[in-house]
């Protein structure tokens, strides 16, 4: 009998600009789902809070410093390479210039999104964001 898979805890930033646009970036080459669009973030290291992890990850990946982050939603997604628990934080205040430090692309998107494919774990959150904005049919579909 196989032992149950352990969750990888992940802090994710939903960066929301003043015009309600959302920041998405591509997964870097060499990582699972390379080229898929996602919300930025990364693994929570031992001893870190969600906010500390998100602050570190956004600085490492994007070169920005966030003012703060509170967990908005928590979801789980079972990818072939990892079982992840995603701690989603809306972020509306940051400083610094965006630098794609991992060779990824970034773009600001309104709902419905124009980019694809989107990482499957983000789909429930996109649906909730669309619902909040009164756009119930604005959900993207995962890539085949």
Protein backbone atom coordinates (compact mmCIF):
# COMPACT_ATOMS: atom_id res chain seq x y z
CA UNK A 1 0.00 0.00 0.00
CA UNK A 2 1.29 3.43 -0.94
CA UNK A 3 1.56 6.15 1.68
CA UNK A 4 -0.62 9.21 1.03
CA UNK A 5 1.13 12.02 -0.78
CA UNK A 6 2.24 14.93 1.36
CA UNK A 7 0.99 18.40 0.46
CA UNK A 8 3.42 21.01 -0.79
CA UNK A 9 2.33 24.30 0.78
CA UNK A 10 2.39 27.19 -1.70
CA UNK A 11 1.82 30.94 -1.27
CA UNK A 12 0.24 32.55 -4.33
CA UNK A 13 -0.17 36.25 -5.07
CA UNK A 14 -3.15 37.58 -6.97
CA UNK A 15 -1.76 40.99 -7.85
CA UNK A 16 -4.64 43.32 -8.64
CA UNK A 17 -3.97 46.66 -10.32
CA UNK A 18 -6.17 49.73 -9.81
CA UNK A 19 -8.16 48.94 -12.97
CA UNK A 20 -8.85 45.39 -11.67
CA UNK A 21 -6.32 43.83 -14.08
CA UNK A 22 -4.61 40.68 -12.77
CA UNK A 23 -0.92 39.90 -13.14
CA UNK A 24 -0.09 36.53 -14.65
CA UNK A 25 3.30 35.14 -15.56
CA UNK A 26 4.50 32.06 -17.39
CA UNK A 27 6.13 29.11 -15.69
CA UNK A 28 9.86 29.08 -16.47
CA UNK A 29 11.54 26.50 -18.68
CA UNK A 30 12.66 23.42 -16.79
CA UNK A 31 9.70 23.43 -14.39
CA UNK A 32 6.59 21.27 -14.71
CA UNK A 33 3.98 22.98 -16.91
CA UNK A 34 6.62 25.30 -18.40
CA UNK A 35 4.97 28.02 -20.46
CA UNK A 36 1.61 27.79 -18.69
CA UNK A 37 0.23 31.04 -17.28
CA UNK A 38 -0.09 31.27 -13.50
CA UNK A 39 -0.33 33.67 -10.62
CA UNK A 40 3.15 34.22 -9.13
CA UNK A 41 4.26 32.64 -5.88
CA UNK A 42 6.05 29.59 -4.59
CA UNK A 43 6.70 27.06 -1.85
CA UNK A 44 6.38 28.01 1.78
CA UNK A 45 9.66 27.12 3.49
CA UNK A 46 9.86 25.67 7.02
CA UNK A 47 9.21 28.37 9.61
CA UNK A 48 7.72 30.86 7.14
CA UNK A 49 4.24 32.32 7.30
CA UNK A 50 2.24 32.56 4.09
CA UNK A 51 2.93 36.30 3.94
CA UNK A 52 6.69 35.84 4.50
CA UNK A 53 6.85 33.20 1.77
CA UNK A 54 4.88 35.33 -0.67
CA UNK A 55 7.02 38.39 0.06
CA UNK A 56 10.21 36.35 -0.56
CA UNK A 57 8.90 34.64 -3.70
CA UNK A 58 7.59 37.83 -5.34
CA UNK A 59 10.89 39.55 -4.68
CA UNK A 60 12.89 36.58 -6.06
CA UNK A 61 10.67 36.10 -9.14
CA UNK A 62 9.48 39.61 -9.97
CA UNK A 63 11.74 42.04 -8.12
CA UNK A 64 8.88 43.71 -6.24
CA UNK A 65 8.20 44.22 -2.54
CA UNK A 66 4.64 43.75 -1.34
CA UNK A 67 3.12 45.84 1.44
CA UNK A 68 1.29 42.85 2.90
CA UNK A 69 -0.83 39.81 2.15
CA UNK A 70 -3.75 38.08 3.79
CA UNK A 71 -4.98 34.65 2.76
CA UNK A 72 -8.21 34.98 0.76
CA UNK A 73 -8.86 31.34 -0.22
CA UNK A 74 -7.14 27.98 0.19
CA UNK A 75 -7.45 25.29 -2.46
CA UNK A 76 -5.80 21.97 -3.22
CA UNK A 77 -4.78 20.61 -6.57
CA UNK A 78 -3.34 17.19 -7.36
CA UNK A 79 -0.80 17.55 -10.18
CA UNK A 80 1.09 14.49 -11.43
CA UNK A 81 4.32 15.95 -9.99
CA UNK A 82 2.93 17.30 -6.68
CA UNK A 83 -0.09 17.53 -4.42
CA UNK A 84 -0.28 21.25 -3.61
CA UNK A 85 -2.20 23.29 -1.07
CA UNK A 86 -2.45 26.79 -2.49
CA UNK A 87 -2.81 29.78 -0.16
CA UNK A 88 -4.28 32.54 -2.37
CA UNK A 89 -3.59 36.13 -1.31
CA UNK A 90 -4.94 39.25 -2.98
CA UNK A 91 -2.20 41.87 -3.21
CA UNK A 92 -3.03 45.47 -4.13
CA UNK A 93 0.00 47.35 -2.83
CA UNK A 94 3.60 46.80 -3.90
CA UNK A 95 6.72 48.76 -4.77
CA UNK A 96 9.57 48.32 -7.22
CA UNK A 97 9.82 47.73 -10.94
CA UNK A 98 8.81 44.37 -12.33
CA UNK A 99 11.81 42.27 -13.44
CA UNK A 100 11.23 38.80 -14.80
CA UNK A 101 14.11 37.22 -12.89
CA UNK A 102 13.40 33.64 -14.03
CA UNK A 103 13.09 34.37 -17.74
CA UNK A 104 9.31 34.22 -17.60
CA UNK A 105 6.82 36.45 -19.41
CA UNK A 106 4.22 38.54 -17.64
CA UNK A 107 1.05 40.33 -18.60
CA UNK A 108 -1.83 42.18 -17.02
CA UNK A 109 -5.18 40.62 -17.84
CA UNK A 110 -8.81 41.53 -17.42
CA UNK A 111 -11.38 38.76 -17.09
CA UNK A 112 -12.01 36.81 -19.21
CA UNK A 113 -8.33 36.08 -19.79
CA UNK A 114 -6.78 36.37 -23.23
CA UNK A 115 -3.83 34.08 -22.40
CA UNK A 116 -3.70 30.31 -22.40
CA UNK A 117 -2.96 27.70 -21.30
CA UNK A 118 -3.58 28.53 -17.64
CA UNK A 119 -2.28 26.31 -14.86
CA UNK A 120 -5.19 24.04 -13.84
CA UNK A 121 -4.87 24.88 -10.15
CA UNK A 122 -5.75 28.53 -10.90
CA UNK A 123 -9.09 27.77 -12.56
CA UNK A 124 -11.26 27.74 -9.40
CA UNK A 125 -9.77 31.07 -8.31
CA UNK A 126 -10.43 32.62 -11.72
CA UNK A 127 -14.04 31.47 -11.44
CA UNK A 128 -14.37 33.09 -7.98
CA UNK A 129 -12.80 36.32 -9.20
CA UNK A 130 -15.16 36.35 -12.19
CA UNK A 131 -18.15 35.75 -9.93
CA UNK A 132 -17.07 38.61 -7.64
CA UNK A 133 -17.01 40.88 -10.68
CA UNK A 134 -20.38 39.72 -11.97
CA UNK A 135 -18.83 37.77 -14.86
CA UNK A 136 -20.03 34.19 -14.23
CA UNK A 137 -19.14 33.02 -17.76
CA UNK A 138 -15.65 34.51 -17.78
CA UNK A 139 -13.81 31.35 -16.80
CA UNK A 140 -11.03 30.04 -19.02
CA UNK A 141 -10.87 26.40 -19.93
CA UNK A 142 -7.76 24.32 -19.29
CA UNK A 143 -5.53 23.36 -22.17
CA UNK A 144 -6.04 19.91 -23.63
